[in-house]
Amino acid sequence: MKINPKYILLVLLAFAFSCGPKKGVHTKKNRNKDKVEQAKLPNNTKVTTPAIEEKELEIKPPSSTDSYISLYAEIAKTEMRTSKIPASITLAQGILESGSGRGRLAVEANNHFGIKCHGWQGAKIYHDDDASQECFRKYRKPESSYEDHSEFLTGRKRYANLFKLKPDDYKGWAKGLKAAGYATDRKYPQKLISLIQRYKLYEYDAEVLGNTSSVEVITVNSGVVRYVIVKGDTLFSLAKRYNTSVDAIKNLNNMTTNNLDLGQEILIPN
C-alpha cells in the first residue's frame, strides 16, 4: 500500500509540535501585592502600626456667670456685713445688670448695677436704656461700683422698708426692689430669684450670718427635704432639728461616716 507523502508530512509536523517546550499556566499577579513589595523598607526598619490616639477629655470651662461669682462674691459678702444687703441679692443684681460683667457699662465704666447719674458728680458715660443716651455713673474700679450700690440703697428712703426684712429673705428683697422702682422690668424679681437659686447664691448669705437661718431648704416630697450643709452643722443637730435620727439620714444618703462637708447637699427625712 502506497502512503501519501502529504499525510506523512502532516504526522511529522504534529509530532514536532507535541514534543516542544510547554508553557506553564500563569496567573495574574496581585497588583496590591506588587505595590507592597515595591515599597519594601530597609531591612533594619521596623514596621509598626499607628497607635490609636486617645481622645482628650473635654473639660468644660466655667461659664461667664460662674467666673463673675468667683470674682465678686467676697466683695458682696463684705458689703452685706457693712450695709445689711443680702450678698445673694447684690450678686444677682450684678449678674443681671452687667450681663455677668460683659455689658458695655461694666466693661467701659465699671458700672455693674446700671445706676444712673441722679446728681452724680463723678465721671459719666452715656448709654441707651429706657431712653436714648441716658447718663450713667462711671467708676474707676468694679469695687467702687459695689460700694456705691450699697450707698445708693441705704441712702434713699424708698428702699427703707427693705432693711426691715430678715437679712436672708432674698425673695422679699427681690420683690421689694421692683416695688421701690429700682427696675422697670415686670419680671425683675423672678429673674433675681432664679439666679439666686440656680447658682446657690443664698449660701453666701449663710456664710456671712454664720448660722443656718439663710440656708435654702427645698422639699423633695412630703417626707424628704434637700439641705445644704453650712458651718456648724452635724448629723446630730440636723436629726434633732428635723425630728429624725442620725441613722435615718445616713441610710437615706448611703453615708458610712458622720462626716459632713461645707456646701454638701444631703436629703433629710422629716
Protein backbone atom coordinates (compact mmCIF):
# COMPACT_ATOMS: atom_id res chain seq x y z
CA MET A 1 0.00 0.00 0.00
CA LYS A 2 1.50 3.32 -1.01
CA ILE A 3 1.30 6.11 1.64
CA ASN A 4 0.59 9.62 0.51
CA PRO A 5 3.68 11.81 1.18
CA LYS A 6 1.40 14.72 2.29
CA TYR A 7 -0.01 12.56 5.06
CA ILE A 8 3.46 11.65 6.32
CA LEU A 9 4.41 15.35 6.38
CA LEU A 10 1.37 16.24 8.47
CA VAL A 11 2.15 13.49 11.01
CA LEU A 12 5.75 14.65 11.35
CA LEU A 13 4.68 18.25 11.92
CA ALA A 14 2.15 17.25 14.58
CA PHE A 15 4.80 15.18 16.41
CA ALA A 16 7.29 18.02 16.33
CA PHE A 17 4.87 20.47 17.97
CA SER A 18 3.82 17.96 20.65
CA CYS A 19 7.44 17.50 21.79
CA GLY A 20 8.24 21.22 22.09
CA PRO A 21 8.68 23.04 25.41
CA LYS A 22 5.44 23.55 27.32
CA LYS A 23 4.49 26.89 28.76
CA GLY A 24 3.34 26.91 32.36
CA VAL A 25 0.00 28.27 33.37
CA HIS A 26 0.35 31.89 34.52
CA THR A 27 -1.99 33.63 36.91
CA LYS A 28 -2.40 37.34 37.17
CA LYS A 29 -0.23 38.92 39.78
CA ASN A 30 -1.91 40.74 42.67
CA ARG A 31 -1.39 44.41 41.90
CA ASN A 32 -1.69 45.38 45.54
CA LYS A 33 0.96 42.81 46.47
CA ASP A 34 3.27 44.25 43.81
CA LYS A 35 2.84 47.72 45.29
CA VAL A 36 3.67 46.45 48.77
CA GLU A 37 6.77 44.71 47.51
CA GLN A 38 7.90 47.85 45.68
CA ALA A 39 7.51 49.84 48.92
CA LYS A 40 9.65 47.49 51.00
CA LEU A 41 11.50 49.26 53.79
CA PRO A 42 15.19 48.69 54.57
CA ASN A 43 15.99 45.51 56.49
CA ASN A 44 16.67 47.39 59.74
CA THR A 45 13.40 49.29 59.69
CA LYS A 46 10.63 48.03 61.96
CA VAL A 47 7.10 48.30 60.72
CA THR A 48 4.71 49.35 63.42
CA THR A 49 1.01 50.01 63.32
CA PRO A 50 -0.02 53.53 64.25
CA ALA A 51 -1.22 53.82 67.82
CA ILE A 52 -4.81 54.84 68.34
CA GLU A 53 -4.81 58.28 69.83
CA GLU A 54 -6.96 58.61 72.88
CA LYS A 55 -9.39 61.47 72.74
CA GLU A 56 -8.65 64.03 75.37
CA LEU A 57 -11.44 64.57 77.81
CA GLU A 58 -13.05 67.90 77.15
CA ILE A 59 -13.10 69.91 80.35
CA LYS A 60 -15.94 72.35 80.22
CA PRO A 61 -14.64 75.79 81.16
CA PRO A 62 -16.57 77.76 83.78
CA SER A 63 -19.35 79.93 82.42
CA SER A 64 -19.04 83.69 82.43
CA THR A 65 -21.52 83.78 85.31
CA ASP A 66 -19.52 81.29 87.38
CA SER A 67 -16.40 83.36 86.77
CA TYR A 68 -18.25 86.52 87.73
CA ILE A 69 -19.40 85.00 91.01
CA SER A 70 -15.86 83.86 91.80
CA LEU A 71 -14.57 87.38 91.25
CA TYR A 72 -17.14 89.32 93.23
CA ALA A 73 -18.59 87.01 95.89
CA GLU A 74 -16.20 88.21 98.59
CA ILE A 75 -16.97 91.85 97.80
CA ALA A 76 -20.71 91.14 98.01
CA LYS A 77 -20.21 89.43 101.38
CA THR A 78 -18.19 92.39 102.67
CA GLU A 79 -20.95 94.77 101.60
CA MET A 80 -23.51 92.57 103.37
CA ARG A 81 -21.58 92.87 106.61
CA THR A 82 -21.49 96.68 106.41
CA SER A 83 -24.78 97.55 104.70
CA LYS A 84 -27.04 94.56 105.60
CA ILE A 85 -27.93 93.99 101.94
CA PRO A 86 -28.03 90.22 101.25
CA ALA A 87 -24.93 89.13 99.32
CA SER A 88 -27.20 86.95 97.20
CA ILE A 89 -29.19 89.99 96.08
CA THR A 90 -26.08 92.04 95.36
CA LEU A 91 -24.54 89.27 93.26
CA ALA A 92 -27.79 88.51 91.42
CA GLN A 93 -28.24 92.18 90.56
CA GLY A 94 -24.65 92.42 89.41
CA ILE A 95 -25.05 89.37 87.17
CA LEU A 96 -28.32 90.60 85.72
CA GLU A 97 -27.47 94.29 85.29
CA SER A 98 -23.95 93.77 83.92
CA GLY A 99 -24.54 90.67 81.81
CA SER A 100 -22.10 88.78 84.06
CA GLY A 101 -19.59 91.57 83.62
CA ARG A 102 -19.72 91.58 79.83
CA GLY A 103 -22.09 94.51 79.26
CA ARG A 104 -20.84 97.84 77.93
CA LEU A 105 -21.45 99.70 81.19
CA ALA A 106 -19.45 97.12 83.14
CA VAL A 107 -16.62 96.93 80.61
CA GLU A 108 -16.22 100.63 79.88
CA ALA A 109 -17.45 102.22 83.10
CA ASN A 110 -17.14 99.50 85.80
CA ASN A 111 -20.84 100.08 86.42
CA HIS A 112 -22.21 96.68 87.45
CA PHE A 113 -25.64 97.76 88.67
CA GLY A 114 -26.93 100.06 85.97
CA ILE A 115 -27.08 103.00 88.37
CA LYS A 116 -27.86 106.22 86.53
CA CYS A 117 -26.34 109.59 87.33
CA HIS A 118 -29.08 111.01 89.63
CA GLY A 119 -26.98 114.03 90.67
CA TRP A 120 -23.71 112.13 90.36
CA GLN A 121 -20.68 114.44 90.41
CA GLY A 122 -18.14 111.89 89.22
CA ALA A 123 -17.26 110.55 85.78
CA LYS A 124 -20.14 109.68 83.47
CA ILE A 125 -20.96 107.51 80.50
CA TYR A 126 -23.93 107.77 78.15
CA HIS A 127 -25.79 104.67 77.13
CA ASP A 128 -29.14 103.76 75.56
CA ASP A 129 -31.52 102.32 78.16
CA ASP A 130 -35.14 103.27 78.72
CA ALA A 131 -34.35 106.31 76.60
CA SER A 132 -31.59 107.20 74.18
CA GLN A 133 -28.18 108.18 75.60
CA GLU A 134 -29.04 108.24 79.28
CA CYS A 135 -26.44 109.26 81.84
CA PHE A 136 -24.83 106.50 83.93
CA ARG A 137 -22.22 106.60 86.65
CA LYS A 138 -18.66 105.67 85.77
CA TYR A 139 -16.25 104.17 88.32
CA ARG A 140 -12.50 103.68 88.40
CA LYS A 141 -12.81 100.05 89.54
CA PRO A 142 -15.58 97.45 90.00
CA GLU A 143 -15.25 97.54 93.81
CA SER A 144 -16.35 101.18 93.75
CA SER A 145 -19.49 100.14 91.88
CA TYR A 146 -20.33 97.63 94.62
CA GLU A 147 -19.73 100.22 97.35
CA ASP A 148 -21.87 102.79 95.57
CA HIS A 149 -24.62 100.22 95.10
CA SER A 150 -24.79 99.78 98.88
CA GLU A 151 -24.78 103.55 99.43
CA PHE A 152 -27.45 104.00 96.78
CA LEU A 153 -29.84 101.62 98.53
CA THR A 154 -29.09 102.61 102.12
CA GLY A 155 -29.24 106.33 101.39
CA ARG A 156 -32.71 106.51 99.83
CA LYS A 157 -35.94 106.41 101.79
CA ARG A 158 -37.80 104.48 99.11
CA TYR A 159 -35.66 101.43 99.91
CA ALA A 160 -36.02 101.77 103.69
CA ASN A 161 -38.61 99.00 104.01
CA LEU A 162 -36.18 96.51 102.52
CA PHE A 163 -33.95 96.79 105.58
CA LYS A 164 -36.83 95.72 107.79
CA LEU A 165 -36.73 92.29 106.15
CA LYS A 166 -34.71 89.41 107.52
CA PRO A 167 -31.14 89.51 106.13
CA ASP A 168 -31.66 86.14 104.43
CA ASP A 169 -35.03 86.99 102.84
CA TYR A 170 -33.76 87.29 99.28
CA LYS A 171 -37.24 86.73 97.85
CA GLY A 172 -38.59 89.67 99.83
CA TRP A 173 -35.67 91.81 98.71
CA ALA A 174 -36.16 90.86 95.05
CA LYS A 175 -39.83 91.86 95.15
CA GLY A 176 -39.12 94.97 97.24
CA LEU A 177 -36.54 96.30 94.79
CA LYS A 178 -39.09 96.17 91.99
CA ALA A 179 -41.79 97.74 94.15
CA ALA A 180 -39.43 100.58 95.13
CA GLY A 181 -38.71 101.36 91.49
CA TYR A 182 -35.19 100.00 91.08
CA ALA A 183 -36.14 98.41 87.73
CA THR A 184 -38.98 98.74 85.24
CA ASP A 185 -38.89 95.10 84.14
CA ARG A 186 -42.04 93.34 85.41
CA LYS A 187 -40.14 90.08 85.78
CA TYR A 188 -37.22 91.63 87.65
CA PRO A 189 -37.98 89.83 90.95
CA GLN A 190 -38.37 86.45 89.25
CA LYS A 191 -35.11 86.91 87.39
CA LEU A 192 -33.20 87.69 90.58
CA ILE A 193 -34.75 84.79 92.46
CA SER A 194 -33.99 82.42 89.58
CA LEU A 195 -30.32 83.45 89.54
CA ILE A 196 -30.01 83.09 93.30
CA GLN A 197 -31.49 79.61 93.28
CA ARG A 198 -29.68 78.42 90.16
CA TYR A 199 -26.24 79.46 91.43
CA LYS A 200 -27.00 78.90 95.14
CA LEU A 201 -26.12 82.47 95.97
CA TYR A 202 -28.06 82.14 99.24
CA GLU A 203 -25.07 80.19 100.54
CA TYR A 204 -23.08 83.44 100.70
CA ASP A 205 -25.77 84.93 102.96
CA ALA A 206 -25.39 81.92 105.26
CA GLU A 207 -21.62 82.37 105.39
CA VAL A 208 -21.96 86.00 106.44
CA LEU A 209 -24.63 85.28 109.04
CA GLY A 210 -22.64 82.36 110.43
CA ASN A 211 -25.71 80.24 111.00
CA THR A 212 -28.23 78.10 109.15
CA SER A 213 -31.00 80.69 109.01
CA SER A 214 -30.40 81.52 105.35
CA VAL A 215 -29.84 78.00 104.07
CA GLU A 216 -32.15 77.05 101.24
CA VAL A 217 -34.28 74.04 102.18
CA ILE A 218 -36.10 72.51 99.22
CA THR A 219 -38.86 69.98 99.71
CA VAL A 220 -38.27 66.90 97.55
CA ASN A 221 -41.51 65.23 98.56
CA SER A 222 -43.84 65.26 101.55
CA GLY A 223 -41.33 63.39 103.71
CA VAL A 224 -37.91 64.48 102.42
CA VAL A 225 -36.09 67.80 102.10
CA ARG A 226 -32.83 68.66 100.34
CA TYR A 227 -30.46 70.55 102.59
CA VAL A 228 -27.12 72.33 102.03
CA ILE A 229 -24.56 71.91 104.80
CA VAL A 230 -23.23 75.09 106.41
CA LYS A 231 -20.69 75.77 109.13
CA GLY A 232 -21.66 74.20 112.45
CA ASP A 233 -23.94 71.50 111.08
CA THR A 234 -23.68 67.97 112.42
CA LEU A 235 -25.80 64.91 111.75
CA PHE A 236 -26.98 65.04 115.35
CA SER A 237 -28.08 68.71 115.12
CA LEU A 238 -29.85 68.10 111.82
CA ALA A 239 -31.58 65.00 113.14
CA LYS A 240 -32.81 66.97 116.14
CA ARG A 241 -33.96 69.91 114.02
CA TYR A 242 -35.95 67.76 111.59
CA ASN A 243 -37.22 65.31 114.21
CA THR A 244 -35.48 62.29 112.72
CA SER A 245 -32.47 60.14 113.57
CA VAL A 246 -28.81 60.15 112.56
CA ASP A 247 -29.15 56.62 111.17
CA ALA A 248 -32.17 57.62 109.08
CA ILE A 249 -30.19 60.46 107.47
CA LYS A 250 -27.18 58.22 106.85
CA ASN A 251 -29.28 55.45 105.33
CA LEU A 252 -31.11 57.86 103.02
CA ASN A 253 -27.79 59.27 101.75
CA ASN A 254 -25.81 55.98 101.75
CA MET A 255 -23.33 57.51 104.21
CA THR A 256 -20.79 55.34 106.00
CA THR A 257 -19.43 58.04 108.34
CA ASN A 258 -20.80 61.03 110.23
CA ASN A 259 -18.54 63.46 108.36
CA LEU A 260 -20.13 66.44 106.62
CA ASP A 261 -18.55 68.88 104.16
CA LEU A 262 -19.38 72.57 103.87
CA GLY A 263 -21.70 73.05 100.87
CA GLN A 264 -22.57 69.35 100.69
CA GLU A 265 -26.17 68.57 99.71
CA ILE A 266 -27.98 65.84 101.64
CA LEU A 267 -31.51 64.53 101.87
CA ILE A 268 -33.21 64.62 105.26
CA PRO A 269 -36.36 62.65 106.18
CA ASN A 270 -38.82 64.61 108.25
